[in-house]
Amino acid sequence: MADTDSSTAIAMVAGESSGDLLASRLLSGLRPHLPQARMYGIGGARMAEYGFISDWPMEKLSVNGLFEVLAHYRELKGIQITLRDRLLADKPDVFIGVDAPDFNFGLEAQLRQAGIPTVHFIGPSIWAWRGGRIKKIARAASHMLVIFPFEEEIYRKAGIPVTYVGHPLAQVIPMVPDVAAARSALGLPADGRVVAIMPGSRMGELKHNTIAFVQAARILAQRDPGMRFIAPMAGEKQSRFFRELVSQAGLQDLPIQLLDGQSHTAMAAADAVLVASGTASLEVALYKKPMVIAYKMMRATWEILRHMSYQPWIGLPNILAREFLVPELLQHNATPQALADALWAQLEDPARQEMLRQRFTAMHHALLRDTANESAQAVLQVIEQNRRQPRRTSPA
């Protein structure tokens, strides 16, 4: 493929901040090969750094939970249909769905049926729940890019072309974090304990997790008055909502340093992290930090999902370790006292901190690949294979 192929068009959809970060790594590998290619769809600020043009705000897709999605169904469906029609008319060389499976797989299936090759970056957790989705994936994706080594065999057995590319975050995050530099960058003292509070990037996650997380921080502050708290926010909208929730709960007396993004700097600076389940928990592990994984959601959603899991863990570090390396406190168990006690126990246990550093370092090495280049090469091969296919002709 010519390095200056200005006719190449790549459409992508990423639905939240973690997808934006992951997609940006893929784009960093693609851009050197396709410096003039048009890249567009739905994405965030990190993707924009590589010339990606987002036709809708990425936050429109950042909805989680069964009933929360239903409340936004009409708007989400409208975006999906409009984008589908645009892509069917435009016929990009490839469509890449980055996570957001409920939105992307339906779109991918229709595009693939029309002859547009589709790549899905990051397989949904069919190994954790809803394994029946493998049939839907087979219809939707021309090629899967997976980020955990055990996923390759799952897709190969299902006859789905797949490439294990490692986890992009393992390449981005340093093997040994620079705590001093991170604290200096955030204006934090070099000594004294720092705890990062990360209730989630989605509005629904903030709604359900923030109060318990901040109340837990207040309990920790009573035990260690010198403890500092930092809370990276995905954007101004999330930051404003966080402040509103804290104020409404009468918790504004606890000094929490809100950060505009800078989640990785916060993790590097922290001694421990209180984190919502999701990609962020893996990021914390790659920064080799003790953590407590917690998650709350609508009661009706919880009652459905808790019966659908195939395994006892929900946090990615524990799933990869196949054991409870760090505590998980979910729904009714995620009380402020329980969260505080679980985090305090790790802060007070140097031997456990060292054990976690060793285990998380081994995990980091296992996930480390040249993800940007390997994922880009897989996408380029999909584009080339499609170009070699006989072009469809319209009926006379």
Protein backbone atom coordinates (compact mmCIF):
# COMPACT_ATOMS: atom_id res chain seq x y z
CA MET A 1 0.00 0.00 0.00
CA ALA A 2 1.47 3.35 -0.98
CA ASP A 3 2.58 5.51 1.89
CA THR A 4 0.82 8.51 0.37
CA ASP A 5 -2.49 6.83 -0.40
CA SER A 6 -4.76 9.84 0.01
CA SER A 7 -7.71 7.87 -1.37
CA THR A 8 -7.80 5.56 1.65
CA ALA A 9 -10.70 6.12 4.04
CA ILE A 10 -10.85 4.51 7.48
CA ALA A 11 -14.00 4.79 9.57
CA MET A 12 -13.90 4.14 13.30
CA VAL A 13 -16.15 4.27 16.34
CA ALA A 14 -14.89 4.48 19.93
CA GLY A 15 -17.48 5.03 22.62
CA GLU A 16 -15.67 6.19 25.75
CA SER A 17 -12.38 7.50 27.10
CA SER A 18 -10.74 4.08 27.42
CA GLY A 19 -11.69 3.29 23.81
CA ASP A 20 -10.31 6.65 22.72
CA LEU A 21 -6.98 5.80 24.32
CA LEU A 22 -6.87 2.32 22.83
CA ALA A 23 -7.89 3.55 19.38
CA SER A 24 -5.21 6.24 19.50
CA ARG A 25 -2.56 3.54 19.82
CA LEU A 26 -3.88 1.85 16.70
CA LEU A 27 -3.90 5.16 14.85
CA SER A 28 -0.31 5.82 15.93
CA GLY A 29 0.64 2.66 14.09
CA LEU A 30 -1.50 3.38 11.02
CA ARG A 31 -0.56 7.02 10.39
CA PRO A 32 3.05 6.39 9.29
CA HIS A 33 1.73 4.01 6.60
CA LEU A 34 -1.23 6.19 5.62
CA PRO A 35 -0.21 9.80 6.32
CA GLN A 36 -2.89 11.28 4.07
CA ALA A 37 -5.72 8.83 4.71
CA ARG A 38 -9.08 10.18 5.81
CA MET A 39 -9.98 8.87 9.27
CA TYR A 40 -13.40 9.71 10.64
CA GLY A 41 -16.45 8.49 12.57
CA ILE A 42 -16.86 8.81 16.33
CA GLY A 43 -13.91 9.26 18.66
CA GLY A 44 -12.24 11.43 21.25
CA ALA A 45 -9.41 13.88 21.80
CA ARG A 46 -6.60 11.31 21.72
CA MET A 47 -7.74 10.01 18.34
CA ALA A 48 -7.94 13.60 17.10
CA GLU A 49 -4.19 13.93 17.71
CA TYR A 50 -3.73 11.63 14.72
CA GLY A 51 -6.01 13.61 12.43
CA PHE A 52 -9.19 11.69 13.26
CA ILE A 53 -12.40 13.67 12.69
CA SER A 54 -15.33 12.85 14.97
CA ASP A 55 -18.76 13.50 13.50
CA TRP A 56 -20.49 13.17 16.90
CA PRO A 57 -19.27 13.80 20.44
CA MET A 58 -17.90 10.52 21.75
CA GLU A 59 -19.75 11.08 25.03
CA LYS A 60 -23.03 10.36 23.24
CA LEU A 61 -22.12 6.67 23.33
CA SER A 62 -20.80 6.62 26.91
CA VAL A 63 -23.85 4.98 28.46
CA ASN A 64 -23.63 1.84 30.57
CA GLY A 65 -26.14 -0.49 32.19
CA LEU A 66 -29.09 -2.28 30.61
CA PHE A 67 -31.79 0.14 31.68
CA GLU A 68 -29.61 3.23 31.22
CA VAL A 69 -29.03 2.21 27.60
CA LEU A 70 -32.77 1.74 27.10
CA ALA A 71 -33.36 5.31 28.28
CA HIS A 72 -31.04 6.56 25.52
CA TYR A 73 -32.00 3.97 22.94
CA ARG A 74 -33.72 6.29 20.49
CA GLU A 75 -30.82 8.73 20.34
CA LEU A 76 -28.21 5.98 20.08
CA LYS A 77 -30.17 4.18 17.38
CA GLY A 78 -30.54 7.42 15.46
CA ILE A 79 -26.78 7.99 15.52
CA GLN A 80 -26.15 4.41 14.45
CA ILE A 81 -28.57 4.61 11.50
CA THR A 82 -27.24 7.97 10.32
CA LEU A 83 -23.66 6.78 10.52
CA ARG A 84 -24.53 3.50 8.79
CA ASP A 85 -26.18 5.29 5.88
CA ARG A 86 -23.21 7.64 5.55
CA LEU A 87 -20.74 4.75 5.51
CA LEU A 88 -22.79 2.68 3.07
CA ALA A 89 -22.71 5.64 0.70
CA ASP A 90 -19.06 6.46 1.36
CA LYS A 91 -17.75 2.86 1.32
CA PRO A 92 -14.57 3.32 3.41
CA ASP A 93 -11.73 0.84 2.93
CA VAL A 94 -12.34 -0.55 6.41
CA PHE A 95 -14.52 0.07 9.44
CA ILE A 96 -12.91 -0.40 12.86
CA GLY A 97 -15.17 -0.76 15.87
CA VAL A 98 -13.28 -0.08 19.08
CA ASP A 99 -14.99 -1.79 22.00
CA ALA A 100 -18.60 -0.42 22.43
CA PRO A 101 -19.92 -3.85 21.33
CA ASP A 102 -23.64 -3.11 21.65
CA PHE A 103 -23.30 -0.18 19.24
CA ASN A 104 -20.55 -1.49 16.99
CA PHE A 105 -21.49 -5.10 16.28
CA GLY A 106 -24.89 -4.19 14.86
CA LEU A 107 -23.27 -1.55 12.69
CA GLU A 108 -20.45 -3.86 11.62
CA ALA A 109 -22.84 -6.62 10.54
CA GLN A 110 -24.67 -4.28 8.16
CA LEU A 111 -21.47 -2.81 6.74
CA ARG A 112 -19.88 -6.21 6.23
CA GLN A 113 -22.97 -7.46 4.43
CA ALA A 114 -22.55 -4.53 2.04
CA GLY A 115 -18.96 -5.52 1.29
CA ILE A 116 -17.14 -3.19 3.67
CA PRO A 117 -14.51 -5.10 5.68
CA THR A 118 -14.88 -4.74 9.44
CA VAL A 119 -12.28 -5.01 12.18
CA HIS A 120 -13.27 -5.14 15.82
CA PHE A 121 -10.59 -4.00 18.24
CA ILE A 122 -10.94 -5.57 21.69
CA GLY A 123 -13.19 -8.56 21.96
CA PRO A 124 -16.09 -8.30 24.39
CA SER A 125 -15.77 -10.39 27.53
CA ILE A 126 -17.55 -13.45 26.15
CA TRP A 127 -15.26 -15.47 28.42
CA ALA A 128 -16.88 -13.75 31.41
CA TRP A 129 -20.55 -13.59 30.39
CA ARG A 130 -22.88 -13.74 27.37
CA GLY A 131 -20.76 -16.30 25.52
CA GLY A 132 -23.56 -16.73 22.98
CA ARG A 133 -22.46 -13.45 21.39
CA ILE A 134 -19.74 -15.35 19.50
CA LYS A 135 -22.29 -16.07 16.74
CA LYS A 136 -23.12 -12.37 16.43
CA ILE A 137 -19.42 -11.54 16.33
CA ALA A 138 -18.88 -14.06 13.53
CA ARG A 139 -21.48 -12.23 11.43
CA ALA A 140 -20.15 -8.79 12.27
CA ALA A 141 -16.36 -8.91 12.24
CA SER A 142 -14.12 -9.69 9.28
CA HIS A 143 -11.21 -9.75 11.72
CA MET A 144 -10.80 -9.53 15.51
CA LEU A 145 -7.93 -7.79 17.28
CA VAL A 146 -7.68 -9.15 20.82
CA ILE A 147 -5.65 -7.88 23.74
CA PHE A 148 -5.45 -10.90 26.04
CA PRO A 149 -3.49 -14.01 25.00
CA PHE A 150 -6.18 -16.52 26.01
CA GLU A 151 -8.71 -14.91 23.65
CA GLU A 152 -7.03 -16.07 20.43
CA GLU A 153 -8.07 -19.68 20.83
CA ILE A 154 -11.70 -18.73 21.54
CA TYR A 155 -12.08 -16.92 18.20
CA ARG A 156 -10.07 -19.43 16.20
CA LYS A 157 -12.31 -22.24 17.40
CA ALA A 158 -15.29 -20.19 16.21
CA GLY A 159 -13.69 -19.73 12.78
CA ILE A 160 -13.19 -15.98 13.20
CA PRO A 161 -9.91 -14.50 11.88
CA VAL A 162 -8.05 -13.11 14.88
CA THR A 163 -4.76 -11.46 15.84
CA TYR A 164 -3.44 -11.15 19.37
CA VAL A 165 -1.83 -7.71 19.52
CA GLY A 166 -1.09 -7.40 23.22
CA HIS A 167 -2.65 -4.72 25.36
CA PRO A 168 -1.92 -1.18 24.12
CA LEU A 169 -1.70 0.09 27.68
CA ALA A 170 1.19 -2.27 28.43
CA GLN A 171 3.22 -0.39 25.84
CA VAL A 172 2.13 3.07 26.99
CA ILE A 173 2.62 2.60 30.74
CA PRO A 174 6.22 2.41 31.98
CA MET A 175 7.36 -0.79 33.63
CA VAL A 176 8.56 1.25 36.63
CA PRO A 177 6.43 4.36 37.26
CA ASP A 178 8.16 7.60 38.23
CA VAL A 179 6.31 8.47 41.43
CA ALA A 180 8.38 11.55 42.23
CA ALA A 181 7.88 13.08 38.78
CA ALA A 182 4.14 12.40 38.87
CA ARG A 183 3.75 14.01 42.28
CA SER A 184 5.78 17.01 41.18
CA ALA A 185 3.61 17.40 38.08
CA LEU A 186 0.46 17.43 40.24
CA GLY A 187 1.90 19.70 42.91
CA LEU A 188 1.79 16.95 45.54
CA PRO A 189 4.32 16.53 48.36
CA ALA A 190 7.03 13.96 47.81
CA ASP A 191 6.19 12.23 51.09
CA GLY A 192 2.85 11.42 52.70
CA ARG A 193 0.18 9.11 51.42
CA VAL A 194 -1.75 9.85 48.24
CA VAL A 195 -4.94 8.01 47.27
CA ALA A 196 -6.51 8.28 43.83
CA ILE A 197 -10.31 8.13 43.62
CA MET A 198 -11.58 6.89 40.26
CA PRO A 199 -15.36 6.30 40.27
CA GLY A 200 -15.56 5.98 36.48
CA SER A 201 -15.62 8.05 33.30
CA ARG A 202 -19.27 7.52 32.37
CA MET A 203 -21.98 9.69 33.88
CA GLY A 204 -23.87 6.64 35.13
CA GLU A 205 -20.77 5.35 36.88
CA LEU A 206 -20.23 8.70 38.55
CA LYS A 207 -23.85 8.79 39.66
CA HIS A 208 -23.71 5.40 41.37
CA ASN A 209 -20.11 5.29 42.65
CA THR A 210 -19.07 8.80 43.64
CA ILE A 211 -20.71 9.17 47.05
CA ALA A 212 -19.49 5.84 48.44
CA PHE A 213 -15.97 6.53 47.11
CA VAL A 214 -15.81 10.01 48.67
CA GLN A 215 -17.29 8.81 51.96
CA ALA A 216 -14.61 6.12 52.04
CA ALA A 217 -11.99 8.81 51.47
CA ARG A 218 -13.36 10.75 54.45
CA ILE A 219 -12.93 7.67 56.66
CA LEU A 220 -9.35 7.27 55.44
CA ALA A 221 -8.65 10.95 56.11
CA GLN A 222 -9.80 10.50 59.71
CA ARG A 223 -7.26 7.68 60.12
CA ASP A 224 -4.47 9.63 58.39
CA PRO A 225 -5.13 13.41 58.44
CA GLY A 226 -2.11 13.98 56.18
CA MET A 227 -3.47 11.80 53.39
CA ARG A 228 -4.03 13.56 50.07
CA PHE A 229 -6.80 12.67 47.62
CA ILE A 230 -6.79 13.16 43.86
CA ALA A 231 -9.60 12.40 41.41
CA PRO A 232 -8.91 12.46 37.65
CA MET A 233 -11.99 13.38 35.63
CA ALA A 234 -12.56 12.37 31.99
CA GLY A 235 -13.83 15.85 31.07
CA GLU A 236 -15.38 19.08 32.31
CA LYS A 237 -18.87 17.58 32.23
CA GLN A 238 -17.78 14.74 34.51
CA SER A 239 -15.89 17.13 36.78
CA ARG A 240 -18.93 19.38 37.19
CA PHE A 241 -21.20 16.41 37.92
CA PHE A 242 -18.72 15.03 40.47
CA ARG A 243 -18.68 18.37 42.31
CA GLU A 244 -22.48 18.54 42.26
CA LEU A 245 -22.81 15.05 43.74
CA VAL A 246 -20.26 15.77 46.45
CA SER A 247 -21.95 19.06 47.34
CA GLN A 248 -25.43 17.53 47.45
CA ALA A 249 -24.13 14.86 49.84
CA GLY A 250 -22.55 17.48 52.10
CA LEU A 251 -19.06 16.10 51.52
CA GLN A 252 -17.44 19.24 50.12
CA ASP A 253 -15.41 19.72 53.32
CA LEU A 254 -13.07 16.89 52.26
CA PRO A 255 -10.34 18.42 50.08
CA ILE A 256 -10.11 16.42 46.86
CA GLN A 257 -7.88 17.63 44.06
CA LEU A 258 -9.82 17.22 40.82
CA LEU A 259 -7.68 16.67 37.75
CA ASP A 260 -8.52 17.43 34.14
CA GLY A 261 -7.74 14.03 32.65
CA GLN A 262 -4.22 13.04 33.80
CA SER A 263 -5.46 9.67 35.01
CA HIS A 264 -2.09 8.03 34.35
CA THR A 265 -0.25 10.75 36.24
CA ALA A 266 -2.67 10.24 39.12
CA MET A 267 -2.07 6.49 39.18
CA ALA A 268 1.69 6.97 39.08
CA ALA A 269 1.53 9.45 41.97
CA ALA A 270 -0.77 7.37 44.18
CA ASP A 271 0.07 4.93 46.94
CA ALA A 272 -3.25 3.17 46.37
CA VAL A 273 -6.33 3.57 44.19
CA LEU A 274 -10.05 3.19 44.74
CA VAL A 275 -11.24 2.33 41.23
CA ALA A 276 -14.42 1.37 39.42
CA SER A 277 -14.20 -1.93 37.57
CA GLY A 278 -13.18 -1.69 33.95
CA THR A 279 -10.10 -0.85 31.92
CA ALA A 280 -8.98 1.57 34.64
CA SER A 281 -8.42 -1.32 37.04
CA LEU A 282 -5.96 -2.87 34.59
CA GLU A 283 -4.22 0.48 34.20
CA VAL A 284 -3.79 0.64 37.98
CA ALA A 285 -2.28 -2.86 37.92
CA LEU A 286 0.15 -1.84 35.19
CA TYR A 287 1.20 1.04 37.45
CA LYS A 288 1.84 -1.67 40.12
CA LYS A 289 -0.44 -0.04 42.69
CA PRO A 290 -2.57 -1.60 45.45
CA MET A 291 -6.25 -1.04 44.76
CA VAL A 292 -9.80 -1.79 45.72
CA ILE A 293 -12.14 -2.48 42.81
CA ALA A 294 -15.72 -1.38 43.44
CA TYR A 295 -18.82 -0.95 41.35
CA LYS A 296 -22.43 0.08 41.82
CA MET A 297 -25.24 0.27 39.28
CA MET A 298 -29.01 0.48 39.04
CA ARG A 299 -30.59 -2.20 41.21
CA ALA A 300 -32.58 -3.70 38.33
CA THR A 301 -29.45 -3.93 36.17
CA TRP A 302 -27.53 -5.54 39.03
CA GLU A 303 -30.20 -8.17 39.62
CA ILE A 304 -29.95 -9.25 35.99
CA LEU A 305 -26.19 -9.13 35.55
CA ARG A 306 -25.20 -10.85 38.77
CA HIS A 307 -26.77 -14.09 37.54
CA MET A 308 -25.05 -13.97 34.14
CA SER A 309 -21.37 -14.15 35.11
CA TYR A 310 -19.29 -17.21 34.23
CA GLN A 311 -16.56 -16.57 36.80
CA PRO A 312 -16.14 -15.12 40.29
CA TRP A 313 -14.09 -12.07 39.31
CA ILE A 314 -15.08 -8.84 37.57
CA GLY A 315 -11.82 -6.87 37.83
CA LEU A 316 -9.36 -7.39 34.97
CA PRO A 317 -6.33 -7.82 37.26
CA ASN A 318 -8.12 -10.62 39.11
CA ILE A 319 -9.40 -12.20 35.89
CA LEU A 320 -5.89 -12.31 34.45
CA ALA A 321 -4.47 -13.66 37.71
CA ARG A 322 -7.36 -16.14 38.07
CA GLU A 323 -7.59 -15.24 41.75
CA PHE A 324 -8.59 -12.37 44.02
CA LEU A 325 -5.29 -10.49 44.02
CA VAL A 326 -7.12 -7.32 45.08
CA PRO A 327 -10.49 -6.88 46.81
CA GLU A 328 -13.68 -6.52 44.78
CA LEU A 329 -16.65 -4.89 46.49
CA LEU A 330 -19.82 -4.75 44.43
CA GLN A 331 -23.23 -3.12 44.81
CA HIS A 332 -24.46 -3.50 48.41
CA ASN A 333 -21.05 -4.64 49.61
CA ALA A 334 -19.43 -1.42 48.36
CA THR A 335 -20.15 0.51 51.56
CA PRO A 336 -17.90 3.42 52.49
CA GLN A 337 -16.65 1.57 55.57
CA ALA A 338 -15.86 -1.61 53.62
CA LEU A 339 -14.07 0.35 50.89
CA ALA A 340 -12.02 2.30 53.42
CA ASP A 341 -11.12 -0.81 55.44
CA ALA A 342 -10.03 -2.74 52.35
CA LEU A 343 -7.83 0.08 51.07
CA TRP A 344 -6.38 0.80 54.51
CA ALA A 345 -5.42 -2.85 54.95
CA GLN A 346 -3.27 -2.65 51.82
CA LEU A 347 -1.74 0.69 52.76
CA GLU A 348 -0.68 -0.81 56.09
CA ASP A 349 0.83 -4.00 54.66
CA PRO A 350 4.26 -3.47 52.98
CA ALA A 351 4.68 -7.20 52.30
CA ARG A 352 1.41 -7.29 50.37
CA GLN A 353 2.40 -4.16 48.45
CA GLU A 354 5.62 -5.88 47.36
CA MET A 355 3.76 -9.03 46.37
CA LEU A 356 1.38 -6.99 44.24
CA ARG A 357 4.29 -5.18 42.58
CA GLN A 358 5.82 -8.49 41.59
CA ARG A 359 2.57 -10.01 40.31
CA PHE A 360 1.58 -6.88 38.41
CA THR A 361 5.07 -6.65 36.86
CA ALA A 362 4.74 -10.23 35.56
CA MET A 363 1.27 -9.35 34.22
CA HIS A 364 2.72 -6.30 32.47
CA HIS A 365 5.37 -8.40 30.69
CA ALA A 366 2.74 -10.94 29.58
CA LEU A 367 0.65 -8.21 27.94
CA LEU A 368 3.54 -6.32 26.35
CA ARG A 369 3.68 -6.37 22.55
CA ASP A 370 4.29 -3.75 19.87
CA THR A 371 0.53 -3.24 19.83
CA ALA A 372 0.49 -0.13 17.69
CA ASN A 373 2.46 -1.76 14.88
CA GLU A 374 0.91 -5.24 15.10
CA SER A 375 -2.66 -3.94 15.12
CA ALA A 376 -1.87 -1.55 12.27
CA GLN A 377 -0.37 -4.36 10.19
CA ALA A 378 -3.48 -6.49 10.73
CA VAL A 379 -5.72 -3.63 9.57
CA LEU A 380 -3.53 -2.96 6.53
CA GLN A 381 -3.75 -6.65 5.57
CA VAL A 382 -7.54 -6.55 5.83
CA ILE A 383 -7.60 -3.51 3.53
CA GLU A 384 -5.26 -5.17 1.00
CA GLN A 385 -7.22 -8.43 1.02
CA ASN A 386 -10.44 -6.55 0.36
CA ARG A 387 -8.88 -4.61 -2.51
CA ARG A 388 -7.81 -7.87 -4.13
CA GLN A 389 -11.36 -9.21 -4.02
CA PRO A 390 -13.37 -8.92 -7.24
CA ARG A 391 -15.44 -5.77 -7.11
CA ARG A 392 -19.19 -6.25 -6.80
CA THR A 393 -21.09 -5.17 -9.85
CA SER A 394 -24.54 -3.70 -9.78
CA PRO A 395 -27.24 -5.74 -11.51
CA ALA A 396 -28.06 -4.57 -15.03
